[in-house]
Amino acid sequence: MSNCITWNCADRHDWDFLDFVERYVSPRPQITSNKTVEVKTVYKVPEIKEVIFNNNTTVLIWKDGEKTIVHLGEGETFDRYTGFMAAVCKKMFGGTTTAKKLMNSLDRKYQAALKAEKREKEKAKRIAEAAAAHERAEKRLAKEKERLRQELIERLMMEAEAEKIVKDKLNCGGDANV
């Protein structure tokens, strides 16, 4: 099933897609009772007899005698390849509206995949940031423990030194008025 398209026909515009499938996809689609279409993704494009680029218009004349005409949109620059591809797409899908709906449907899936990937990257970044913050906190804690240990050692040494001085004064018979 990996080389098949499954298309659920929910509204009237989807039947335009069925028309496209019946005309240009080989073999004939299998339509089930719940309006699900499964087809192999092998498209048959009719043969092109002639391509005409005229100012901002591209015309494809097909071997079957039909013509497909596409015009340049406002604010766009003319590109022969884009015009040719738009004409082929228009022929295959029966119009640009059906092709745009299909593209938007597929694009939504692509955008959803991009969003999911972005969420995963953000999650990984947050985890890495939390791990780095934890590591910094551990280092600060270790440093503070070491500082407190050194401080304790110094206090104990000072107390031991004071105790020694007091013992020496008391044992030497010196003045106890220290």
N, C-alpha and C. Protein backbone atom coordinates (compact mmCIF):
# COMPACT_ATOMS: atom_id res chain seq x y z
N MET A 1 0.81 -1.20 0.00
CA MET A 1 0.00 0.00 0.00
C MET A 1 0.85 1.26 0.00
N SER A 2 2.18 1.14 0.13
CA SER A 2 2.99 2.35 0.24
C SER A 2 3.00 3.17 -1.05
N ASN A 3 2.73 2.57 -2.18
CA ASN A 3 2.72 3.33 -3.42
C ASN A 3 1.30 3.69 -3.85
N CYS A 4 0.39 3.79 -2.89
CA CYS A 4 -1.00 4.13 -3.20
C CYS A 4 -1.38 5.44 -2.54
N ILE A 5 -2.37 6.11 -3.14
CA ILE A 5 -2.96 7.30 -2.57
C ILE A 5 -4.33 6.90 -2.04
N THR A 6 -4.65 7.28 -0.83
CA THR A 6 -5.99 7.07 -0.31
C THR A 6 -6.62 8.44 -0.20
N TRP A 7 -7.78 8.60 -0.79
CA TRP A 7 -8.43 9.91 -0.85
C TRP A 7 -9.87 9.74 -0.40
N ASN A 8 -10.25 10.37 0.70
CA ASN A 8 -11.63 10.31 1.16
C ASN A 8 -12.39 11.47 0.54
N CYS A 9 -13.46 11.17 -0.16
CA CYS A 9 -14.22 12.18 -0.87
C CYS A 9 -15.32 12.72 0.03
N ALA A 10 -15.04 13.81 0.72
CA ALA A 10 -15.97 14.34 1.70
C ALA A 10 -16.93 15.36 1.10
N ASP A 11 -16.48 16.11 0.12
CA ASP A 11 -17.37 17.12 -0.45
C ASP A 11 -17.35 17.06 -1.97
N ARG A 12 -18.15 17.92 -2.58
CA ARG A 12 -18.32 17.91 -4.03
C ARG A 12 -17.01 18.15 -4.77
N HIS A 13 -16.12 18.99 -4.21
CA HIS A 13 -14.87 19.31 -4.90
C HIS A 13 -13.96 18.09 -5.01
N ASP A 14 -14.09 17.16 -4.08
CA ASP A 14 -13.27 15.97 -4.15
C ASP A 14 -13.63 15.12 -5.36
N TRP A 15 -14.87 15.24 -5.83
CA TRP A 15 -15.24 14.47 -7.01
C TRP A 15 -14.52 14.97 -8.25
N ASP A 16 -14.06 16.24 -8.24
CA ASP A 16 -13.20 16.72 -9.32
C ASP A 16 -11.90 15.91 -9.33
N PHE A 17 -11.41 15.61 -8.15
CA PHE A 17 -10.21 14.78 -8.05
C PHE A 17 -10.48 13.39 -8.62
N LEU A 18 -11.67 12.84 -8.34
CA LEU A 18 -12.01 11.53 -8.89
C LEU A 18 -12.01 11.56 -10.42
N ASP A 19 -12.52 12.66 -10.97
CA ASP A 19 -12.52 12.81 -12.43
C ASP A 19 -11.08 12.80 -12.94
N PHE A 20 -10.20 13.52 -12.26
CA PHE A 20 -8.78 13.55 -12.62
C PHE A 20 -8.19 12.14 -12.56
N VAL A 21 -8.50 11.42 -11.48
CA VAL A 21 -7.97 10.07 -11.30
C VAL A 21 -8.43 9.17 -12.43
N GLU A 22 -9.71 9.23 -12.77
CA GLU A 22 -10.23 8.36 -13.81
C GLU A 22 -9.62 8.68 -15.17
N ARG A 23 -9.27 9.97 -15.41
CA ARG A 23 -8.71 10.36 -16.71
C ARG A 23 -7.22 10.09 -16.83
N TYR A 24 -6.45 10.30 -15.73
CA TYR A 24 -5.00 10.33 -15.89
C TYR A 24 -4.22 9.33 -15.05
N VAL A 25 -4.88 8.56 -14.23
CA VAL A 25 -4.14 7.63 -13.38
C VAL A 25 -4.37 6.21 -13.85
N SER A 26 -3.30 5.46 -13.88
CA SER A 26 -3.39 4.07 -14.31
C SER A 26 -2.97 3.20 -13.14
N PRO A 27 -3.62 2.10 -12.86
CA PRO A 27 -4.86 1.59 -13.43
C PRO A 27 -6.07 2.34 -12.88
N ARG A 28 -7.26 1.93 -13.32
CA ARG A 28 -8.48 2.60 -12.85
C ARG A 28 -8.57 2.50 -11.34
N PRO A 29 -9.06 3.55 -10.70
CA PRO A 29 -9.14 3.54 -9.24
C PRO A 29 -10.19 2.56 -8.73
N GLN A 30 -9.98 2.10 -7.53
CA GLN A 30 -10.95 1.24 -6.87
C GLN A 30 -11.76 2.13 -5.93
N ILE A 31 -13.05 2.30 -6.21
CA ILE A 31 -13.91 3.14 -5.40
C ILE A 31 -14.75 2.24 -4.51
N THR A 32 -14.62 2.40 -3.20
CA THR A 32 -15.37 1.57 -2.27
C THR A 32 -16.68 2.26 -1.92
N SER A 33 -17.53 1.56 -1.19
CA SER A 33 -18.86 2.08 -0.88
C SER A 33 -18.82 3.32 0.00
N ASN A 34 -17.76 3.50 0.79
CA ASN A 34 -17.69 4.68 1.64
C ASN A 34 -16.95 5.84 0.96
N LYS A 35 -16.90 5.81 -0.34
CA LYS A 35 -16.31 6.87 -1.16
C LYS A 35 -14.81 7.04 -0.93
N THR A 36 -14.12 5.95 -0.65
CA THR A 36 -12.67 5.98 -0.51
C THR A 36 -12.07 5.51 -1.82
N VAL A 37 -11.05 6.23 -2.28
CA VAL A 37 -10.42 5.90 -3.55
C VAL A 37 -8.99 5.46 -3.27
N GLU A 38 -8.58 4.34 -3.82
CA GLU A 38 -7.20 3.90 -3.71
C GLU A 38 -6.65 3.71 -5.11
N VAL A 39 -5.55 4.40 -5.41
CA VAL A 39 -4.97 4.33 -6.74
C VAL A 39 -3.46 4.25 -6.61
N LYS A 40 -2.83 3.65 -7.59
CA LYS A 40 -1.38 3.68 -7.66
C LYS A 40 -0.97 5.07 -8.13
N THR A 41 0.20 5.51 -7.71
CA THR A 41 0.64 6.86 -8.07
C THR A 41 1.42 6.85 -9.38
N VAL A 42 0.82 6.31 -10.42
CA VAL A 42 1.40 6.33 -11.76
C VAL A 42 0.48 7.21 -12.59
N TYR A 43 0.93 8.41 -12.92
CA TYR A 43 0.09 9.37 -13.63
C TYR A 43 0.36 9.30 -15.13
N LYS A 44 -0.71 9.39 -15.90
CA LYS A 44 -0.59 9.44 -17.35
C LYS A 44 -0.85 10.87 -17.78
N VAL A 45 0.13 11.51 -18.34
CA VAL A 45 -0.03 12.86 -18.85
C VAL A 45 -0.23 12.75 -20.35
N PRO A 46 -1.27 13.40 -20.89
CA PRO A 46 -1.46 13.35 -22.34
C PRO A 46 -0.25 13.96 -23.06
N GLU A 47 -0.06 13.54 -24.29
CA GLU A 47 1.07 14.07 -25.06
C GLU A 47 0.80 15.52 -25.47
N ILE A 48 1.86 16.31 -25.47
CA ILE A 48 1.77 17.73 -25.82
C ILE A 48 2.18 17.87 -27.28
N LYS A 49 1.35 18.59 -28.02
CA LYS A 49 1.63 18.82 -29.43
C LYS A 49 2.49 20.08 -29.60
N GLU A 50 2.13 21.14 -28.84
CA GLU A 50 2.82 22.42 -29.02
C GLU A 50 2.73 23.25 -27.74
N VAL A 51 3.78 24.03 -27.48
CA VAL A 51 3.80 24.96 -26.36
C VAL A 51 4.00 26.35 -26.93
N ILE A 52 3.14 27.29 -26.52
CA ILE A 52 3.25 28.67 -27.01
C ILE A 52 3.41 29.59 -25.80
N PHE A 53 4.48 30.37 -25.80
CA PHE A 53 4.69 31.40 -24.78
C PHE A 53 4.44 32.73 -25.45
N ASN A 54 3.39 33.42 -25.04
CA ASN A 54 3.01 34.69 -25.66
C ASN A 54 2.86 35.74 -24.57
N ASN A 55 3.81 36.65 -24.48
CA ASN A 55 3.82 37.69 -23.44
C ASN A 55 3.68 37.05 -22.06
N ASN A 56 2.57 37.26 -21.41
CA ASN A 56 2.36 36.74 -20.06
C ASN A 56 1.41 35.54 -20.04
N THR A 57 1.32 34.84 -21.16
CA THR A 57 0.40 33.70 -21.29
C THR A 57 1.17 32.49 -21.79
N THR A 58 0.82 31.33 -21.25
CA THR A 58 1.38 30.07 -21.72
C THR A 58 0.22 29.23 -22.23
N VAL A 59 0.37 28.70 -23.45
CA VAL A 59 -0.67 27.87 -24.06
C VAL A 59 -0.06 26.51 -24.38
N LEU A 60 -0.74 25.46 -23.92
CA LEU A 60 -0.34 24.10 -24.28
C LEU A 60 -1.41 23.55 -25.20
N ILE A 61 -0.99 23.05 -26.34
CA ILE A 61 -1.91 22.39 -27.26
C ILE A 61 -1.59 20.90 -27.17
N TRP A 62 -2.61 20.13 -26.83
CA TRP A 62 -2.44 18.70 -26.59
C TRP A 62 -2.70 17.92 -27.87
N LYS A 63 -2.18 16.73 -27.95
CA LYS A 63 -2.38 15.88 -29.13
C LYS A 63 -3.85 15.58 -29.36
N ASP A 64 -4.67 15.59 -28.30
CA ASP A 64 -6.10 15.31 -28.46
C ASP A 64 -6.88 16.54 -28.95
N GLY A 65 -6.17 17.64 -29.21
CA GLY A 65 -6.79 18.84 -29.77
C GLY A 65 -7.21 19.87 -28.73
N GLU A 66 -7.17 19.54 -27.45
CA GLU A 66 -7.55 20.50 -26.41
C GLU A 66 -6.43 21.51 -26.20
N LYS A 67 -6.83 22.68 -25.67
CA LYS A 67 -5.87 23.72 -25.33
C LYS A 67 -5.98 24.01 -23.84
N THR A 68 -4.85 24.29 -23.24
CA THR A 68 -4.82 24.73 -21.85
C THR A 68 -4.09 26.06 -21.82
N ILE A 69 -4.75 27.08 -21.26
CA ILE A 69 -4.18 28.42 -21.25
C ILE A 69 -4.04 28.88 -19.80
N VAL A 70 -2.86 29.37 -19.47
CA VAL A 70 -2.65 29.96 -18.14
C VAL A 70 -2.07 31.35 -18.32
N HIS A 71 -2.50 32.25 -17.45
CA HIS A 71 -2.07 33.63 -17.51
C HIS A 71 -1.23 33.96 -16.28
N LEU A 72 -0.35 34.92 -16.45
CA LEU A 72 0.49 35.39 -15.36
C LEU A 72 -0.36 36.19 -14.37
N GLY A 73 -0.18 35.90 -13.08
CA GLY A 73 -0.91 36.63 -12.05
C GLY A 73 -0.33 38.01 -11.84
N GLU A 74 -1.11 38.88 -11.19
CA GLU A 74 -0.65 40.24 -10.91
C GLU A 74 0.53 40.21 -9.96
N GLY A 75 1.53 41.03 -10.25
CA GLY A 75 2.69 41.13 -9.39
C GLY A 75 3.71 40.02 -9.57
N GLU A 76 3.47 39.10 -10.49
CA GLU A 76 4.40 38.00 -10.73
C GLU A 76 5.25 38.31 -11.95
N THR A 77 6.42 37.71 -12.00
CA THR A 77 7.27 37.86 -13.18
C THR A 77 7.13 36.60 -14.03
N PHE A 78 7.19 36.79 -15.33
CA PHE A 78 6.99 35.68 -16.26
C PHE A 78 8.15 34.70 -16.17
N ASP A 79 7.79 33.42 -16.09
CA ASP A 79 8.77 32.33 -16.06
C ASP A 79 8.19 31.20 -16.91
N ARG A 80 8.91 30.81 -17.95
CA ARG A 80 8.42 29.80 -18.88
C ARG A 80 8.15 28.47 -18.18
N TYR A 81 9.04 28.07 -17.29
CA TYR A 81 8.88 26.80 -16.59
C TYR A 81 7.63 26.81 -15.72
N THR A 82 7.45 27.88 -14.96
CA THR A 82 6.28 27.97 -14.08
C THR A 82 4.99 27.97 -14.89
N GLY A 83 4.98 28.69 -16.00
CA GLY A 83 3.81 28.70 -16.86
C GLY A 83 3.50 27.32 -17.42
N PHE A 84 4.54 26.63 -17.86
CA PHE A 84 4.38 25.28 -18.40
C PHE A 84 3.83 24.34 -17.33
N MET A 85 4.42 24.38 -16.13
CA MET A 85 3.98 23.50 -15.06
C MET A 85 2.55 23.82 -14.64
N ALA A 86 2.19 25.09 -14.61
CA ALA A 86 0.82 25.48 -14.25
C ALA A 86 -0.17 24.94 -15.29
N ALA A 87 0.21 25.00 -16.55
CA ALA A 87 -0.69 24.49 -17.61
C ALA A 87 -0.86 22.98 -17.51
N VAL A 88 0.22 22.26 -17.25
CA VAL A 88 0.13 20.80 -17.11
C VAL A 88 -0.73 20.46 -15.89
N CYS A 89 -0.51 21.17 -14.81
CA CYS A 89 -1.29 20.93 -13.59
C CYS A 89 -2.76 21.23 -13.82
N LYS A 90 -3.03 22.31 -14.52
CA LYS A 90 -4.41 22.68 -14.82
C LYS A 90 -5.08 21.60 -15.67
N LYS A 91 -4.36 21.06 -16.64
CA LYS A 91 -4.90 20.00 -17.49
C LYS A 91 -5.17 18.73 -16.67
N MET A 92 -4.23 18.37 -15.84
CA MET A 92 -4.36 17.12 -15.09
C MET A 92 -5.46 17.19 -14.04
N PHE A 93 -5.61 18.34 -13.40
CA PHE A 93 -6.58 18.46 -12.32
C PHE A 93 -7.90 19.09 -12.76
N GLY A 94 -8.00 19.48 -14.01
CA GLY A 94 -9.25 20.05 -14.51
C GLY A 94 -9.43 21.51 -14.12
N GLY A 95 -8.47 22.11 -13.50
CA GLY A 95 -8.53 23.51 -13.09
C GLY A 95 -7.58 23.76 -11.95
N THR A 96 -7.30 25.02 -11.73
CA THR A 96 -6.34 25.34 -10.70
C THR A 96 -6.93 25.24 -9.30
N THR A 97 -8.25 25.38 -9.16
CA THR A 97 -8.87 25.31 -7.83
C THR A 97 -8.66 23.94 -7.20
N THR A 98 -8.89 22.89 -7.96
CA THR A 98 -8.71 21.53 -7.45
C THR A 98 -7.25 21.29 -7.11
N ALA A 99 -6.35 21.75 -7.96
CA ALA A 99 -4.92 21.58 -7.71
C ALA A 99 -4.50 22.34 -6.45
N LYS A 100 -5.03 23.56 -6.27
CA LYS A 100 -4.70 24.34 -5.08
C LYS A 100 -5.22 23.66 -3.82
N LYS A 101 -6.43 23.10 -3.89
CA LYS A 101 -6.99 22.41 -2.72
C LYS A 101 -6.14 21.19 -2.36
N LEU A 102 -5.73 20.45 -3.37
CA LEU A 102 -4.88 19.29 -3.12
C LEU A 102 -3.55 19.73 -2.53
N MET A 103 -2.95 20.76 -3.11
CA MET A 103 -1.67 21.26 -2.61
C MET A 103 -1.80 21.74 -1.17
N ASN A 104 -2.89 22.49 -0.87
CA ASN A 104 -3.08 22.98 0.49
C ASN A 104 -3.28 21.84 1.47
N SER A 105 -4.00 20.81 1.03
CA SER A 105 -4.20 19.64 1.87
C SER A 105 -2.87 18.97 2.18
N LEU A 106 -2.07 18.79 1.15
CA LEU A 106 -0.76 18.18 1.35
C LEU A 106 0.15 19.11 2.13
N ASP A 107 0.04 20.41 1.89
CA ASP A 107 0.87 21.39 2.59
C ASP A 107 0.52 21.42 4.08
N ARG A 108 -0.75 21.27 4.41
CA ARG A 108 -1.15 21.23 5.83
C ARG A 108 -0.44 20.07 6.53
N LYS A 109 -0.36 18.95 5.86
CA LYS A 109 0.33 17.80 6.44
C LYS A 109 1.81 18.12 6.62
N TYR A 110 2.39 18.77 5.62
CA TYR A 110 3.80 19.16 5.70
C TYR A 110 4.02 20.16 6.82
N GLN A 111 3.14 21.16 6.90
CA GLN A 111 3.26 22.17 7.96
C GLN A 111 3.09 21.53 9.33
N ALA A 112 2.17 20.59 9.45
CA ALA A 112 1.98 19.89 10.73
C ALA A 112 3.24 19.12 11.10
N ALA A 113 3.85 18.49 10.10
CA ALA A 113 5.10 17.76 10.36
C ALA A 113 6.21 18.72 10.79
N LEU A 114 6.28 19.89 10.14
CA LEU A 114 7.27 20.89 10.53
C LEU A 114 7.04 21.38 11.95
N LYS A 115 5.77 21.61 12.31
CA LYS A 115 5.45 22.07 13.67
C LYS A 115 5.83 21.01 14.69
N ALA A 116 5.54 19.75 14.38
CA ALA A 116 5.90 18.66 15.30
C ALA A 116 7.41 18.58 15.48
N GLU A 117 8.14 18.73 14.37
CA GLU A 117 9.60 18.71 14.43
C GLU A 117 10.11 19.89 15.25
N LYS A 118 9.49 21.06 15.06
CA LYS A 118 9.89 22.25 15.82
C LYS A 118 9.62 22.05 17.31
N ARG A 119 8.46 21.46 17.64
CA ARG A 119 8.15 21.19 19.05
C ARG A 119 9.17 20.24 19.66
N GLU A 120 9.56 19.22 18.90
CA GLU A 120 10.55 18.26 19.40
C GLU A 120 11.90 18.94 19.63
N LYS A 121 12.29 19.83 18.70
CA LYS A 121 13.55 20.56 18.86
C LYS A 121 13.50 21.47 20.08
N GLU A 122 12.36 22.17 20.26
CA GLU A 122 12.20 23.04 21.42
C GLU A 122 12.24 22.24 22.71
N LYS A 123 11.59 21.08 22.70
CA LYS A 123 11.59 20.21 23.88
C LYS A 123 13.02 19.76 24.19
N ALA A 124 13.76 19.34 23.17
CA ALA A 124 15.15 18.93 23.36
C ALA A 124 15.99 20.08 23.88
N LYS A 125 15.73 21.29 23.36
CA LYS A 125 16.47 22.48 23.80
C LYS A 125 16.17 22.76 25.28
N ARG A 126 14.88 22.68 25.66
CA ARG A 126 14.51 22.91 27.06
C ARG A 126 15.16 21.88 27.97
N ILE A 127 15.20 20.62 27.53
CA ILE A 127 15.82 19.57 28.32
C ILE A 127 17.31 19.85 28.47
N ALA A 128 17.96 20.26 27.38
CA ALA A 128 19.40 20.57 27.43
C ALA A 128 19.65 21.77 28.35
N GLU A 129 18.79 22.79 28.25
CA GLU A 129 18.94 23.96 29.11
C GLU A 129 18.75 23.57 30.58
N ALA A 130 17.77 22.72 30.86
CA ALA A 130 17.54 22.28 32.24
C ALA A 130 18.73 21.47 32.74
N ALA A 131 19.28 20.61 31.89
CA ALA A 131 20.44 19.82 32.29
C ALA A 131 21.64 20.73 32.57
N ALA A 132 21.83 21.76 31.72
CA ALA A 132 22.93 22.70 31.93
C ALA A 132 22.73 23.49 33.22
N ALA A 133 21.49 23.91 33.47
CA ALA A 133 21.20 24.65 34.71
C ALA A 133 21.44 23.76 35.92
N HIS A 134 21.04 22.49 35.83
CA HIS A 134 21.27 21.55 36.92
C HIS A 134 22.77 21.37 37.17
N GLU A 135 23.53 21.25 36.08
CA GLU A 135 24.99 21.10 36.20
C GLU A 135 25.61 22.34 36.84
N ARG A 136 25.16 23.54 36.43
CA ARG A 136 25.67 24.77 37.04
C ARG A 136 25.33 24.82 38.53
N ALA A 137 24.10 24.41 38.87
CA ALA A 137 23.69 24.40 40.28
C ALA A 137 24.53 23.41 41.08
N GLU A 138 24.79 22.24 40.49
CA GLU A 138 25.64 21.25 41.16
C GLU A 138 27.04 21.81 41.40
N LYS A 139 27.60 22.52 40.41
CA LYS A 139 28.93 23.12 40.56
C LYS A 139 28.92 24.18 41.65
N ARG A 140 27.87 25.04 41.66
CA ARG A 140 27.78 26.06 42.71
C ARG A 140 27.67 25.41 44.08
N LEU A 141 26.87 24.36 44.19
CA LEU A 141 26.70 23.65 45.45
C LEU A 141 28.03 23.04 45.91
N ALA A 142 28.74 22.39 44.99
CA ALA A 142 30.04 21.80 45.33
C ALA A 142 31.02 22.88 45.77
N LYS A 143 31.01 24.02 45.07
CA LYS A 143 31.90 25.12 45.43
C LYS A 143 31.55 25.66 46.81
N GLU A 144 30.26 25.81 47.09
CA GLU A 144 29.82 26.30 48.40
C GLU A 144 30.19 25.32 49.50
N LYS A 145 30.03 24.01 49.23
CA LYS A 145 30.41 23.00 50.21
C LYS A 145 31.92 23.08 50.51
N GLU A 146 32.70 23.25 49.46
CA GLU A 146 34.16 23.36 49.64
C GLU A 146 34.51 24.61 50.44
N ARG A 147 33.84 25.72 50.16
CA ARG A 147 34.09 26.96 50.90
C ARG A 147 33.74 26.76 52.38
N LEU A 148 32.59 26.13 52.64
CA LEU A 148 32.19 25.88 54.04
C LEU A 148 33.16 24.91 54.73
N ARG A 149 33.63 23.92 54.02
CA ARG A 149 34.60 22.98 54.58
C ARG A 149 35.89 23.69 54.95
N GLN A 150 36.38 24.55 54.04
CA GLN A 150 37.60 25.31 54.32
C GLN A 150 37.39 26.24 55.51
N GLU A 151 36.23 26.87 55.57
CA GLU A 151 35.92 27.76 56.69
C GLU A 151 35.90 26.99 58.01
N LEU A 152 35.31 25.81 57.99
CA LEU A 152 35.27 24.97 59.18
C LEU A 152 36.67 24.55 59.60
N ILE A 153 37.49 24.17 58.63
CA ILE A 153 38.88 23.78 58.92
C ILE A 153 39.62 24.95 59.57
N GLU A 154 39.45 26.15 59.01
CA GLU A 154 40.11 27.34 59.57
C GLU A 154 39.64 27.59 61.00
N ARG A 155 38.36 27.48 61.26
CA ARG A 155 37.84 27.69 62.62
C ARG A 155 38.40 26.66 63.58
N LEU A 156 38.40 25.39 63.13
CA LEU A 156 38.94 24.34 63.99
C LEU A 156 40.42 24.56 64.27
N MET A 157 41.16 25.00 63.26
CA MET A 157 42.58 25.28 63.45
C MET A 157 42.77 26.45 64.41
N MET A 158 41.92 27.49 64.26
CA MET A 158 42.03 28.64 65.16
C MET A 158 41.69 28.22 66.59
N GLU A 159 40.67 27.38 66.76
CA GLU A 159 40.31 26.91 68.10
C GLU A 159 41.43 26.05 68.68
N ALA A 160 42.01 25.18 67.85
CA ALA A 160 43.12 24.34 68.31
C ALA A 160 44.30 25.20 68.70
N GLU A 161 44.59 26.22 67.90
CA GLU A 161 45.70 27.14 68.19
C GLU A 161 45.43 27.89 69.48
N ALA A 162 44.20 28.36 69.68
CA ALA A 162 43.84 29.08 70.91
C ALA A 162 43.93 28.15 72.11
N GLU A 163 43.48 26.92 71.94
CA GLU A 163 43.54 25.94 73.02
C GLU A 163 44.99 25.65 73.40
N LYS A 164 45.85 25.55 72.40
CA LYS A 164 47.27 25.28 72.63
C LYS A 164 47.91 26.44 73.38
N ILE A 165 47.57 27.67 72.97
CA ILE A 165 48.13 28.84 73.64
C ILE A 165 47.70 28.86 75.10
N VAL A 166 46.44 28.56 75.34
CA VAL A 166 45.94 28.56 76.72
C VAL A 166 46.64 27.47 77.53
N LYS A 167 46.81 26.28 76.99
CA LYS A 167 47.49 25.19 77.69
C LYS A 167 48.93 25.57 77.99
N ASP A 168 49.59 26.16 76.99
CA ASP A 168 50.99 26.56 77.20
C ASP A 168 51.09 27.58 78.33
N LYS A 169 50.18 28.53 78.39
CA LYS A 169 50.20 29.56 79.43
C LYS A 169 49.95 28.94 80.80
N LEU A 170 49.04 27.97 80.83
CA LEU A 170 48.71 27.35 82.09
C LEU A 170 49.81 26.39 82.57
N ASN A 171 50.41 25.70 81.67
CA ASN A 171 51.45 24.72 82.01
C ASN A 171 52.78 25.39 82.33
N CYS A 172 53.05 26.54 81.78
CA CYS A 172 54.32 27.20 82.00
C CYS A 172 54.33 27.97 83.33
N GLY A 173 53.26 28.04 83.98
CA GLY A 173 53.19 28.76 85.21
C GLY A 173 53.22 30.25 85.00
N GLY A 174 52.93 30.63 83.86
CA GLY A 174 52.93 32.07 83.55
C GLY A 174 51.67 32.69 84.04
N ASP A 175 51.50 33.93 83.69
CA ASP A 175 50.31 34.64 84.08
C ASP A 175 49.09 34.00 83.45
N ALA A 176 48.07 33.86 84.23
CA ALA A 176 46.83 33.33 83.73
C ALA A 176 45.93 34.46 83.24
N ASN A 177 46.44 35.64 83.28
CA ASN A 177 45.67 36.81 82.85
C ASN A 177 45.82 37.05 81.35
N VAL A 178 45.67 36.13 80.67
CA VAL A 178 45.86 36.31 79.25
C VAL A 178 44.58 36.62 78.59
